[in-house]
Amino acid sequence: MVEWTQAGLSAPARLLPAGEQFVEWVQYPAVEALDRHSGWKFYYHAHPRSERLARENGHFHIFVPGPDDVHDGAALFSHLIGISVDSQGLPLRLFTTNQWVTGESWQPAEALVEFVKSPGLTHTQPADVAGWLGHLIELYAVEICALLRARDKRLQARALMEKTNPYEDRRLRIPSQRNISLLQRISRAGS
């Protein structure tokens, strides 16, 4: 990350083709960055300004292999965590998504917690961005696990209250989220 800072770049900027600007809803890289060894993948994108947090530039979506790995010839995936970042690329927020948001293959929190223990982005390009994301997962492992469990609790409560399929409820996009500050975390670790 020191090289990025010296060059005035960030993790999202590393995903942009030379000379291009970010375009809302476009995925960077164009094809998810996939680790063929572990099945983990990620991409970055930004929603329209009206749908973002005040300081958010965009966010990363990080996925892990789905429970059956392949279905009808297509690889299945499960959303592990979203990481919102500001214009300098500093993380602002961790969040989970409802199933309909990413079209994921649903896995309960306890299955996903197992993935958090050992991030699988080692063989993904660009390696520096993948490594940075892996380190964030390690640094915020406790918070990510808590968010996954809170996601499941909220969806279960919604199913009981409304007697509907909560995973397809378009009113519920983000079941759990938490603001974070990398600078505060690092300063606390150094104390």
N, C-alpha and C. Protein backbone atom coordinates (compact mmCIF):
# COMPACT_ATOMS: atom_id res chain seq x y z
N MET A 1 0.83 -1.19 0.00
CA MET A 1 0.00 0.00 0.00
C MET A 1 0.87 1.26 0.00
N VAL A 2 2.09 1.17 0.51
CA VAL A 2 2.98 2.32 0.53
C VAL A 2 3.23 2.81 -0.89
N GLU A 3 3.39 1.89 -1.83
CA GLU A 3 3.61 2.26 -3.22
C GLU A 3 2.41 3.02 -3.78
N TRP A 4 1.21 2.61 -3.41
CA TRP A 4 0.01 3.30 -3.87
C TRP A 4 0.01 4.73 -3.37
N THR A 5 0.28 4.89 -2.09
CA THR A 5 0.26 6.22 -1.49
C THR A 5 1.27 7.13 -2.15
N GLN A 6 2.47 6.61 -2.37
CA GLN A 6 3.51 7.41 -3.00
C GLN A 6 3.12 7.80 -4.42
N ALA A 7 2.37 6.95 -5.10
CA ALA A 7 1.94 7.24 -6.47
C ALA A 7 0.59 7.96 -6.51
N GLY A 8 0.00 8.24 -5.33
CA GLY A 8 -1.29 8.91 -5.28
C GLY A 8 -2.44 8.01 -5.70
N LEU A 9 -2.29 6.70 -5.50
CA LEU A 9 -3.32 5.73 -5.90
C LEU A 9 -3.99 5.11 -4.68
N SER A 10 -5.01 4.31 -4.95
CA SER A 10 -5.72 3.54 -3.94
C SER A 10 -6.06 2.19 -4.54
N ALA A 11 -6.60 1.29 -3.74
CA ALA A 11 -6.99 -0.03 -4.25
C ALA A 11 -7.99 0.11 -5.41
N PRO A 12 -9.05 0.92 -5.28
CA PRO A 12 -9.95 1.06 -6.43
C PRO A 12 -9.25 1.61 -7.67
N ALA A 13 -8.38 2.60 -7.48
CA ALA A 13 -7.68 3.19 -8.63
C ALA A 13 -6.79 2.17 -9.34
N ARG A 14 -6.28 1.19 -8.60
CA ARG A 14 -5.45 0.14 -9.20
C ARG A 14 -6.26 -0.73 -10.17
N LEU A 15 -7.58 -0.72 -10.05
CA LEU A 15 -8.43 -1.55 -10.91
C LEU A 15 -8.86 -0.84 -12.19
N LEU A 16 -8.61 0.45 -12.27
CA LEU A 16 -9.01 1.24 -13.44
C LEU A 16 -8.03 1.06 -14.59
N PRO A 17 -8.52 0.86 -15.80
CA PRO A 17 -7.61 0.89 -16.95
C PRO A 17 -6.99 2.29 -17.06
N ALA A 18 -5.77 2.36 -17.54
CA ALA A 18 -5.04 3.63 -17.64
C ALA A 18 -5.85 4.71 -18.34
N GLY A 19 -5.90 5.88 -17.73
CA GLY A 19 -6.56 7.04 -18.32
C GLY A 19 -8.07 7.06 -18.23
N GLU A 20 -8.68 6.06 -17.60
CA GLU A 20 -10.14 6.02 -17.50
C GLU A 20 -10.60 6.55 -16.15
N GLN A 21 -11.86 6.97 -16.10
CA GLN A 21 -12.51 7.41 -14.87
C GLN A 21 -13.53 6.33 -14.47
N PHE A 22 -13.87 6.28 -13.17
CA PHE A 22 -14.90 5.36 -12.73
C PHE A 22 -16.25 5.73 -13.34
N VAL A 23 -17.01 4.72 -13.71
CA VAL A 23 -18.36 4.90 -14.23
C VAL A 23 -19.30 4.15 -13.30
N GLU A 24 -20.37 4.80 -12.87
CA GLU A 24 -21.33 4.17 -11.96
C GLU A 24 -21.85 2.87 -12.56
N TRP A 25 -21.98 1.87 -11.72
CA TRP A 25 -22.51 0.54 -12.02
C TRP A 25 -21.55 -0.33 -12.82
N VAL A 26 -20.47 0.22 -13.35
CA VAL A 26 -19.50 -0.60 -14.07
C VAL A 26 -18.66 -1.35 -13.04
N GLN A 27 -18.39 -2.60 -13.35
CA GLN A 27 -17.64 -3.46 -12.45
C GLN A 27 -16.16 -3.40 -12.79
N TYR A 28 -15.31 -3.28 -11.75
CA TYR A 28 -13.87 -3.24 -11.91
C TYR A 28 -13.23 -4.31 -11.04
N PRO A 29 -12.40 -5.19 -11.60
CA PRO A 29 -12.15 -5.34 -13.03
C PRO A 29 -13.41 -5.82 -13.75
N ALA A 30 -13.41 -5.70 -15.08
CA ALA A 30 -14.60 -6.03 -15.87
C ALA A 30 -15.08 -7.45 -15.61
N VAL A 31 -14.16 -8.36 -15.47
CA VAL A 31 -14.48 -9.74 -15.06
C VAL A 31 -13.94 -9.87 -13.64
N GLU A 32 -14.77 -10.40 -12.73
CA GLU A 32 -14.33 -10.49 -11.33
C GLU A 32 -12.92 -11.04 -11.23
N ALA A 33 -12.18 -10.51 -10.26
CA ALA A 33 -10.85 -11.03 -9.95
C ALA A 33 -11.04 -12.36 -9.23
N LEU A 34 -10.73 -13.45 -9.89
CA LEU A 34 -11.01 -14.79 -9.38
C LEU A 34 -9.72 -15.52 -9.01
N ASP A 35 -9.71 -16.08 -7.82
CA ASP A 35 -8.62 -16.96 -7.40
C ASP A 35 -9.04 -18.38 -7.79
N ARG A 36 -8.43 -18.91 -8.82
CA ARG A 36 -8.82 -20.24 -9.34
C ARG A 36 -8.48 -21.37 -8.38
N HIS A 37 -7.60 -21.12 -7.42
CA HIS A 37 -7.27 -22.15 -6.43
C HIS A 37 -8.34 -22.26 -5.34
N SER A 38 -8.79 -21.10 -4.85
CA SER A 38 -9.73 -21.10 -3.72
C SER A 38 -11.19 -20.87 -4.13
N GLY A 39 -11.42 -20.28 -5.30
CA GLY A 39 -12.77 -19.95 -5.71
C GLY A 39 -13.26 -18.61 -5.19
N TRP A 40 -12.43 -17.91 -4.42
CA TRP A 40 -12.79 -16.57 -3.96
C TRP A 40 -12.73 -15.61 -5.13
N LYS A 41 -13.53 -14.54 -5.08
CA LYS A 41 -13.45 -13.51 -6.11
C LYS A 41 -13.93 -12.18 -5.53
N PHE A 42 -13.60 -11.11 -6.26
CA PHE A 42 -14.04 -9.79 -5.83
C PHE A 42 -14.19 -8.88 -7.04
N TYR A 43 -14.95 -7.82 -6.83
CA TYR A 43 -14.99 -6.70 -7.77
C TYR A 43 -15.35 -5.44 -7.01
N TYR A 44 -15.16 -4.33 -7.70
CA TYR A 44 -15.44 -3.01 -7.14
C TYR A 44 -16.43 -2.31 -8.05
N HIS A 45 -17.35 -1.57 -7.48
CA HIS A 45 -18.23 -0.72 -8.28
C HIS A 45 -18.83 0.38 -7.40
N ALA A 46 -19.50 1.31 -8.06
CA ALA A 46 -20.13 2.42 -7.35
C ALA A 46 -21.56 2.56 -7.82
N HIS A 47 -22.44 2.81 -6.89
CA HIS A 47 -23.84 3.12 -7.19
C HIS A 47 -23.92 4.62 -7.48
N PRO A 48 -25.06 5.08 -7.98
CA PRO A 48 -25.22 6.53 -8.17
C PRO A 48 -25.03 7.27 -6.84
N ARG A 49 -24.58 8.49 -6.90
CA ARG A 49 -24.30 9.30 -5.71
C ARG A 49 -25.46 9.28 -4.71
N SER A 50 -26.70 9.32 -5.20
CA SER A 50 -27.87 9.36 -4.32
C SER A 50 -28.04 8.07 -3.51
N GLU A 51 -27.39 6.99 -3.92
CA GLU A 51 -27.51 5.71 -3.22
C GLU A 51 -26.29 5.37 -2.37
N ARG A 52 -25.32 6.28 -2.29
CA ARG A 52 -24.09 6.02 -1.55
C ARG A 52 -24.07 6.76 -0.22
N LEU A 53 -23.24 6.30 0.69
CA LEU A 53 -22.98 7.05 1.91
C LEU A 53 -22.35 8.39 1.53
N ALA A 54 -22.42 9.33 2.41
CA ALA A 54 -21.93 10.69 2.12
C ALA A 54 -20.48 10.69 1.63
N ARG A 55 -19.60 9.93 2.24
CA ARG A 55 -18.18 9.94 1.88
C ARG A 55 -17.79 8.76 0.99
N GLU A 56 -18.73 7.91 0.65
CA GLU A 56 -18.40 6.70 -0.10
C GLU A 56 -18.12 6.99 -1.57
N ASN A 57 -17.02 6.41 -2.06
CA ASN A 57 -16.68 6.46 -3.47
C ASN A 57 -17.28 5.25 -4.19
N GLY A 58 -17.27 4.12 -3.54
CA GLY A 58 -17.79 2.87 -4.07
C GLY A 58 -17.52 1.76 -3.07
N HIS A 59 -17.68 0.52 -3.52
CA HIS A 59 -17.45 -0.59 -2.59
C HIS A 59 -16.99 -1.86 -3.31
N PHE A 60 -16.30 -2.68 -2.54
CA PHE A 60 -15.87 -4.00 -2.99
C PHE A 60 -16.91 -5.01 -2.55
N HIS A 61 -17.18 -5.98 -3.41
CA HIS A 61 -17.96 -7.15 -3.04
C HIS A 61 -16.99 -8.32 -3.07
N ILE A 62 -16.97 -9.08 -1.98
CA ILE A 62 -16.08 -10.24 -1.88
C ILE A 62 -16.94 -11.48 -1.76
N PHE A 63 -16.63 -12.46 -2.60
CA PHE A 63 -17.41 -13.70 -2.69
C PHE A 63 -16.54 -14.91 -2.40
N VAL A 64 -17.19 -15.97 -1.92
CA VAL A 64 -16.54 -17.26 -1.68
C VAL A 64 -17.32 -18.32 -2.44
N PRO A 65 -16.73 -19.51 -2.62
CA PRO A 65 -17.46 -20.56 -3.34
C PRO A 65 -18.78 -20.89 -2.66
N GLY A 66 -19.79 -21.16 -3.47
CA GLY A 66 -21.10 -21.54 -2.95
C GLY A 66 -21.08 -22.95 -2.40
N PRO A 67 -22.17 -23.36 -1.78
CA PRO A 67 -22.21 -24.67 -1.11
C PRO A 67 -22.05 -25.85 -2.06
N ASP A 68 -22.49 -25.72 -3.30
CA ASP A 68 -22.39 -26.84 -4.23
C ASP A 68 -21.30 -26.62 -5.28
N ASP A 69 -20.63 -25.50 -5.24
CA ASP A 69 -19.54 -25.12 -6.13
C ASP A 69 -19.96 -24.94 -7.59
N VAL A 70 -20.66 -25.93 -8.19
CA VAL A 70 -21.08 -25.80 -9.59
C VAL A 70 -22.50 -26.30 -9.73
N HIS A 71 -23.32 -25.57 -10.50
CA HIS A 71 -24.71 -25.97 -10.74
C HIS A 71 -25.03 -25.69 -12.19
N ASP A 72 -25.42 -26.70 -12.92
CA ASP A 72 -25.73 -26.56 -14.34
C ASP A 72 -24.60 -25.90 -15.11
N GLY A 73 -23.36 -26.27 -14.78
CA GLY A 73 -22.20 -25.75 -15.49
C GLY A 73 -21.74 -24.39 -15.05
N ALA A 74 -22.48 -23.72 -14.17
CA ALA A 74 -22.09 -22.39 -13.70
C ALA A 74 -21.58 -22.48 -12.26
N ALA A 75 -20.48 -21.80 -12.00
CA ALA A 75 -19.95 -21.78 -10.63
C ALA A 75 -20.88 -21.00 -9.74
N LEU A 76 -21.14 -21.53 -8.55
CA LEU A 76 -21.98 -20.84 -7.57
C LEU A 76 -21.08 -20.04 -6.64
N PHE A 77 -21.61 -18.99 -6.09
CA PHE A 77 -20.84 -18.15 -5.18
C PHE A 77 -21.76 -17.66 -4.07
N SER A 78 -21.13 -17.25 -2.97
CA SER A 78 -21.85 -16.66 -1.85
C SER A 78 -21.15 -15.36 -1.48
N HIS A 79 -21.94 -14.34 -1.19
CA HIS A 79 -21.40 -13.04 -0.81
C HIS A 79 -20.90 -13.12 0.62
N LEU A 80 -19.62 -12.81 0.81
CA LEU A 80 -19.04 -12.84 2.15
C LEU A 80 -19.22 -11.49 2.84
N ILE A 81 -18.71 -10.43 2.19
CA ILE A 81 -18.77 -9.11 2.82
C ILE A 81 -18.61 -8.02 1.75
N GLY A 82 -19.20 -6.87 2.02
CA GLY A 82 -18.97 -5.68 1.22
C GLY A 82 -18.12 -4.72 2.02
N ILE A 83 -17.23 -4.00 1.32
CA ILE A 83 -16.37 -3.02 1.99
C ILE A 83 -16.48 -1.70 1.23
N SER A 84 -17.12 -0.72 1.85
CA SER A 84 -17.23 0.62 1.26
C SER A 84 -15.94 1.38 1.53
N VAL A 85 -15.51 2.18 0.54
CA VAL A 85 -14.30 2.98 0.70
C VAL A 85 -14.57 4.43 0.28
N ASP A 86 -13.73 5.33 0.79
CA ASP A 86 -13.85 6.74 0.42
C ASP A 86 -13.02 7.02 -0.83
N SER A 87 -12.91 8.27 -1.23
CA SER A 87 -12.20 8.61 -2.46
C SER A 87 -10.70 8.35 -2.37
N GLN A 88 -10.16 8.22 -1.16
CA GLN A 88 -8.75 7.86 -1.01
C GLN A 88 -8.56 6.35 -0.91
N GLY A 89 -9.67 5.61 -0.93
CA GLY A 89 -9.59 4.16 -0.83
C GLY A 89 -9.57 3.62 0.58
N LEU A 90 -9.80 4.49 1.57
CA LEU A 90 -9.83 4.03 2.96
C LEU A 90 -11.19 3.42 3.27
N PRO A 91 -11.20 2.27 3.94
CA PRO A 91 -12.48 1.63 4.25
C PRO A 91 -13.32 2.44 5.23
N LEU A 92 -14.62 2.51 4.92
CA LEU A 92 -15.57 3.27 5.74
C LEU A 92 -16.58 2.38 6.46
N ARG A 93 -16.94 1.28 5.78
CA ARG A 93 -18.06 0.49 6.28
C ARG A 93 -17.92 -0.95 5.78
N LEU A 94 -18.35 -1.88 6.62
CA LEU A 94 -18.51 -3.29 6.25
C LEU A 94 -20.00 -3.55 6.17
N PHE A 95 -20.44 -4.37 5.22
CA PHE A 95 -21.87 -4.65 5.12
C PHE A 95 -22.13 -6.01 4.50
N THR A 96 -23.29 -6.56 4.82
CA THR A 96 -23.75 -7.80 4.19
C THR A 96 -24.89 -7.43 3.23
N THR A 97 -25.19 -8.35 2.32
CA THR A 97 -26.28 -8.11 1.38
C THR A 97 -27.32 -9.22 1.49
N ASN A 98 -28.52 -8.89 1.08
CA ASN A 98 -29.58 -9.88 1.00
C ASN A 98 -29.33 -10.72 -0.26
N GLN A 99 -29.88 -11.91 -0.31
CA GLN A 99 -29.62 -12.84 -1.40
C GLN A 99 -29.95 -12.26 -2.78
N TRP A 100 -31.04 -11.53 -2.91
CA TRP A 100 -31.47 -11.02 -4.21
C TRP A 100 -30.50 -9.97 -4.77
N VAL A 101 -29.75 -9.31 -3.91
CA VAL A 101 -28.87 -8.22 -4.35
C VAL A 101 -27.79 -8.73 -5.30
N THR A 102 -27.17 -9.84 -4.97
CA THR A 102 -26.07 -10.37 -5.79
C THR A 102 -26.45 -11.66 -6.52
N GLY A 103 -27.63 -12.21 -6.25
CA GLY A 103 -28.02 -13.47 -6.86
C GLY A 103 -27.18 -14.63 -6.35
N GLU A 104 -26.72 -14.49 -5.14
CA GLU A 104 -25.80 -15.49 -4.58
C GLU A 104 -26.48 -16.80 -4.22
N SER A 105 -25.66 -17.80 -4.02
CA SER A 105 -26.10 -19.07 -3.48
C SER A 105 -25.98 -18.92 -1.95
N TRP A 106 -27.12 -18.95 -1.29
CA TRP A 106 -27.16 -18.62 0.13
C TRP A 106 -26.44 -19.64 0.99
N GLN A 107 -25.67 -19.13 1.94
CA GLN A 107 -25.05 -19.97 2.97
C GLN A 107 -25.30 -19.30 4.31
N PRO A 108 -25.57 -20.10 5.33
CA PRO A 108 -25.77 -19.51 6.66
C PRO A 108 -24.46 -18.91 7.18
N ALA A 109 -24.61 -18.02 8.13
CA ALA A 109 -23.45 -17.31 8.70
C ALA A 109 -22.36 -18.27 9.16
N GLU A 110 -22.74 -19.33 9.85
CA GLU A 110 -21.71 -20.22 10.40
C GLU A 110 -20.87 -20.89 9.32
N ALA A 111 -21.44 -21.13 8.15
CA ALA A 111 -20.65 -21.66 7.04
C ALA A 111 -19.69 -20.60 6.51
N LEU A 112 -20.15 -19.36 6.44
CA LEU A 112 -19.31 -18.27 5.93
C LEU A 112 -18.21 -17.88 6.91
N VAL A 113 -18.48 -18.02 8.21
CA VAL A 113 -17.48 -17.72 9.23
C VAL A 113 -16.23 -18.56 9.01
N GLU A 114 -16.40 -19.77 8.53
CA GLU A 114 -15.25 -20.65 8.26
C GLU A 114 -14.33 -20.03 7.21
N PHE A 115 -14.89 -19.36 6.22
CA PHE A 115 -14.08 -18.72 5.18
C PHE A 115 -13.31 -17.53 5.74
N VAL A 116 -13.91 -16.81 6.68
CA VAL A 116 -13.27 -15.62 7.26
C VAL A 116 -11.96 -15.99 7.93
N LYS A 117 -11.88 -17.20 8.46
CA LYS A 117 -10.69 -17.65 9.18
C LYS A 117 -9.46 -17.73 8.30
N SER A 118 -9.66 -17.89 6.99
CA SER A 118 -8.53 -18.06 6.09
C SER A 118 -8.85 -17.46 4.72
N PRO A 119 -8.68 -16.14 4.56
CA PRO A 119 -9.00 -15.50 3.29
C PRO A 119 -8.28 -16.17 2.11
N GLY A 120 -9.02 -16.38 1.02
CA GLY A 120 -8.49 -17.11 -0.12
C GLY A 120 -8.27 -16.26 -1.35
N LEU A 121 -7.58 -15.14 -1.20
CA LEU A 121 -7.32 -14.27 -2.34
C LEU A 121 -5.85 -14.26 -2.76
N THR A 122 -5.11 -15.27 -2.35
CA THR A 122 -3.67 -15.33 -2.58
C THR A 122 -3.28 -15.36 -4.05
N HIS A 123 -4.05 -16.04 -4.88
CA HIS A 123 -3.70 -16.22 -6.29
C HIS A 123 -4.58 -15.38 -7.21
N THR A 124 -4.96 -14.20 -6.76
CA THR A 124 -5.85 -13.32 -7.52
C THR A 124 -5.07 -12.12 -8.04
N GLN A 125 -5.43 -11.67 -9.22
CA GLN A 125 -4.80 -10.47 -9.79
C GLN A 125 -5.81 -9.33 -9.82
N PRO A 126 -5.42 -8.11 -9.57
CA PRO A 126 -4.07 -7.71 -9.20
C PRO A 126 -3.75 -8.14 -7.76
N ALA A 127 -2.58 -8.72 -7.60
CA ALA A 127 -2.18 -9.32 -6.33
C ALA A 127 -2.14 -8.32 -5.18
N ASP A 128 -1.74 -7.07 -5.47
CA ASP A 128 -1.65 -6.09 -4.38
C ASP A 128 -3.03 -5.72 -3.84
N VAL A 129 -4.02 -5.60 -4.72
CA VAL A 129 -5.38 -5.30 -4.28
C VAL A 129 -5.95 -6.51 -3.54
N ALA A 130 -5.74 -7.70 -4.08
CA ALA A 130 -6.23 -8.92 -3.43
C ALA A 130 -5.61 -9.08 -2.05
N GLY A 131 -4.32 -8.81 -1.95
CA GLY A 131 -3.64 -8.92 -0.65
C GLY A 131 -4.18 -7.91 0.35
N TRP A 132 -4.43 -6.70 -0.13
CA TRP A 132 -4.99 -5.65 0.73
C TRP A 132 -6.35 -6.06 1.26
N LEU A 133 -7.21 -6.60 0.37
CA LEU A 133 -8.54 -7.06 0.80
C LEU A 133 -8.43 -8.21 1.79
N GLY A 134 -7.51 -9.14 1.52
CA GLY A 134 -7.29 -10.26 2.45
C GLY A 134 -6.88 -9.78 3.83
N HIS A 135 -6.00 -8.78 3.87
CA HIS A 135 -5.56 -8.22 5.16
C HIS A 135 -6.72 -7.52 5.87
N LEU A 136 -7.58 -6.84 5.12
CA LEU A 136 -8.74 -6.20 5.75
C LEU A 136 -9.67 -7.25 6.37
N ILE A 137 -9.85 -8.36 5.66
CA ILE A 137 -10.69 -9.44 6.20
C ILE A 137 -10.09 -9.97 7.50
N GLU A 138 -8.78 -10.17 7.51
CA GLU A 138 -8.12 -10.64 8.74
C GLU A 138 -8.24 -9.61 9.86
N LEU A 139 -8.01 -8.34 9.54
CA LEU A 139 -8.04 -7.27 10.54
C LEU A 139 -9.43 -7.11 11.15
N TYR A 140 -10.46 -7.29 10.33
CA TYR A 140 -11.85 -7.10 10.79
C TYR A 140 -12.62 -8.42 10.89
N ALA A 141 -11.93 -9.52 11.11
CA ALA A 141 -12.57 -10.84 11.16
C ALA A 141 -13.69 -10.90 12.21
N VAL A 142 -13.45 -10.37 13.37
CA VAL A 142 -14.46 -10.42 14.44
C VAL A 142 -15.71 -9.66 14.01
N GLU A 143 -15.52 -8.47 13.45
CA GLU A 143 -16.65 -7.65 13.01
C GLU A 143 -17.40 -8.31 11.85
N ILE A 144 -16.67 -8.91 10.92
CA ILE A 144 -17.31 -9.57 9.78
C ILE A 144 -18.17 -10.74 10.26
N CYS A 145 -17.63 -11.55 11.16
CA CYS A 145 -18.40 -12.68 11.69
C CYS A 145 -19.65 -12.20 12.41
N ALA A 146 -19.52 -11.13 13.18
CA ALA A 146 -20.68 -10.57 13.89
C ALA A 146 -21.72 -10.06 12.90
N LEU A 147 -21.29 -9.42 11.82
CA LEU A 147 -22.22 -8.92 10.81
C LEU A 147 -22.95 -10.07 10.10
N LEU A 148 -22.24 -11.14 9.82
CA LEU A 148 -22.88 -12.30 9.17
C LEU A 148 -23.95 -12.91 10.08
N ARG A 149 -23.64 -13.00 11.36
CA ARG A 149 -24.62 -13.55 12.31
C ARG A 149 -25.81 -12.59 12.47
N ALA A 150 -25.54 -11.30 12.50
CA ALA A 150 -26.62 -10.30 12.60
C ALA A 150 -27.50 -10.35 11.34
N ARG A 151 -26.88 -10.57 10.18
CA ARG A 151 -27.63 -10.70 8.92
C ARG A 151 -28.65 -11.83 9.04
N ASP A 152 -28.18 -13.00 9.49
CA ASP A 152 -29.07 -14.15 9.61
C ASP A 152 -30.19 -13.90 10.62
N LYS A 153 -29.85 -13.29 11.76
CA LYS A 153 -30.87 -12.99 12.77
C LYS A 153 -31.95 -12.07 12.22
N ARG A 154 -31.51 -11.06 11.50
CA ARG A 154 -32.49 -10.09 10.96
C ARG A 154 -33.39 -10.75 9.93
N LEU A 155 -32.83 -11.58 9.06
CA LEU A 155 -33.63 -12.24 8.04
C LEU A 155 -34.59 -13.26 8.66
N GLN A 156 -34.13 -13.97 9.70
CA GLN A 156 -35.00 -14.93 10.38
C GLN A 156 -36.15 -14.20 11.07
N ALA A 157 -35.86 -13.10 11.71
CA ALA A 157 -36.91 -12.32 12.38
C ALA A 157 -37.93 -11.80 11.37
N ARG A 158 -37.43 -11.37 10.24
CA ARG A 158 -38.33 -10.86 9.20
C ARG A 158 -39.24 -11.97 8.67
N ALA A 159 -38.70 -13.16 8.51
CA ALA A 159 -39.49 -14.30 8.04
C ALA A 159 -40.61 -14.63 9.02
N LEU A 160 -40.31 -14.57 10.31
CA LEU A 160 -41.32 -14.87 11.33
C LEU A 160 -42.39 -13.79 11.40
N MET A 161 -41.97 -12.52 11.28
CA MET A 161 -42.91 -11.40 11.39
C MET A 161 -43.82 -11.29 10.17
N GLU A 162 -43.26 -11.47 9.00
CA GLU A 162 -44.03 -11.19 7.79
C GLU A 162 -44.49 -12.44 7.04
N LYS A 163 -44.02 -13.59 7.46
CA LYS A 163 -44.41 -14.87 6.84
C LYS A 163 -44.16 -14.86 5.32
N THR A 164 -43.08 -14.21 4.92
CA THR A 164 -42.70 -14.18 3.51
C THR A 164 -41.26 -14.64 3.38
N ASN A 165 -40.79 -14.77 2.16
CA ASN A 165 -39.41 -15.13 1.91
C ASN A 165 -38.54 -13.89 2.08
N PRO A 166 -37.80 -13.78 3.18
CA PRO A 166 -37.03 -12.56 3.43
C PRO A 166 -35.86 -12.38 2.46
N TYR A 167 -35.38 -13.46 1.86
CA TYR A 167 -34.23 -13.40 0.96
C TYR A 167 -34.55 -12.70 -0.36
N GLU A 168 -35.82 -12.61 -0.68
CA GLU A 168 -36.25 -11.95 -1.91
C GLU A 168 -36.96 -10.62 -1.64
N ASP A 169 -36.93 -10.17 -0.39
CA ASP A 169 -37.60 -8.93 0.01
C ASP A 169 -36.81 -7.73 -0.51
N ARG A 170 -37.33 -7.07 -1.52
CA ARG A 170 -36.65 -5.94 -2.17
C ARG A 170 -36.54 -4.72 -1.26
N ARG A 171 -37.27 -4.72 -0.17
CA ARG A 171 -37.18 -3.60 0.79
C ARG A 171 -35.94 -3.73 1.67
N LEU A 172 -35.34 -4.93 1.68
CA LEU A 172 -34.19 -5.18 2.55
C LEU A 172 -32.97 -5.51 1.70
N ARG A 173 -32.15 -4.52 1.48
CA ARG A 173 -30.94 -4.68 0.66
C ARG A 173 -29.73 -5.05 1.53
N ILE A 174 -29.57 -4.34 2.64
CA ILE A 174 -28.41 -4.51 3.52
C ILE A 174 -28.91 -4.92 4.91
N PRO A 175 -28.86 -6.21 5.23
CA PRO A 175 -29.37 -6.67 6.54
C PRO A 175 -28.51 -6.26 7.73
N SER A 176 -27.19 -6.06 7.51
CA SER A 176 -26.33 -5.64 8.61
C SER A 176 -25.16 -4.83 8.06
N GLN A 177 -24.72 -3.87 8.87
CA GLN A 177 -23.61 -3.01 8.46
C GLN A 177 -22.96 -2.41 9.69
N ARG A 178 -21.73 -1.94 9.48
CA ARG A 178 -20.98 -1.34 10.58
C ARG A 178 -19.95 -0.37 10.00
N ASN A 179 -19.92 0.85 10.53
CA ASN A 179 -18.89 1.81 10.13
C ASN A 179 -17.56 1.39 10.74
N ILE A 180 -16.49 1.62 9.99
CA ILE A 180 -15.15 1.27 10.47
C ILE A 180 -14.19 2.41 10.12
N SER A 181 -13.05 2.43 10.80
CA SER A 181 -11.99 3.39 10.51
C SER A 181 -10.66 2.65 10.60
N LEU A 182 -10.02 2.49 9.46
CA LEU A 182 -8.72 1.81 9.42
C LEU A 182 -7.69 2.60 10.23
N LEU A 183 -7.73 3.92 10.14
CA LEU A 183 -6.76 4.74 10.87
C LEU A 183 -6.90 4.57 12.38
N GLN A 184 -8.15 4.52 12.87
CA GLN A 184 -8.36 4.30 14.30
C GLN A 184 -7.91 2.91 14.72
N ARG A 185 -8.20 1.91 13.87
CA ARG A 185 -7.80 0.53 14.20
C ARG A 185 -6.28 0.42 14.28
N ILE A 186 -5.60 1.04 13.35
CA ILE A 186 -4.13 0.98 13.35
C ILE A 186 -3.57 1.73 14.54
N SER A 187 -4.13 2.88 14.86
CA SER A 187 -3.61 3.65 16.00
C SER A 187 -3.85 2.91 17.31
N ARG A 188 -4.98 2.21 17.43
CA ARG A 188 -5.24 1.42 18.65
C ARG A 188 -4.27 0.26 18.74
N ALA A 189 -3.96 -0.36 17.61
CA ALA A 189 -3.05 -1.50 17.59
C ALA A 189 -1.63 -1.06 17.99
N GLY A 190 -1.29 0.19 17.65
CA GLY A 190 0.03 0.69 17.98
C GLY A 190 0.18 1.18 19.41
N SER A 191 -0.95 1.30 20.11
CA SER A 191 -0.91 1.82 21.51
C SER A 191 -0.44 0.77 22.48
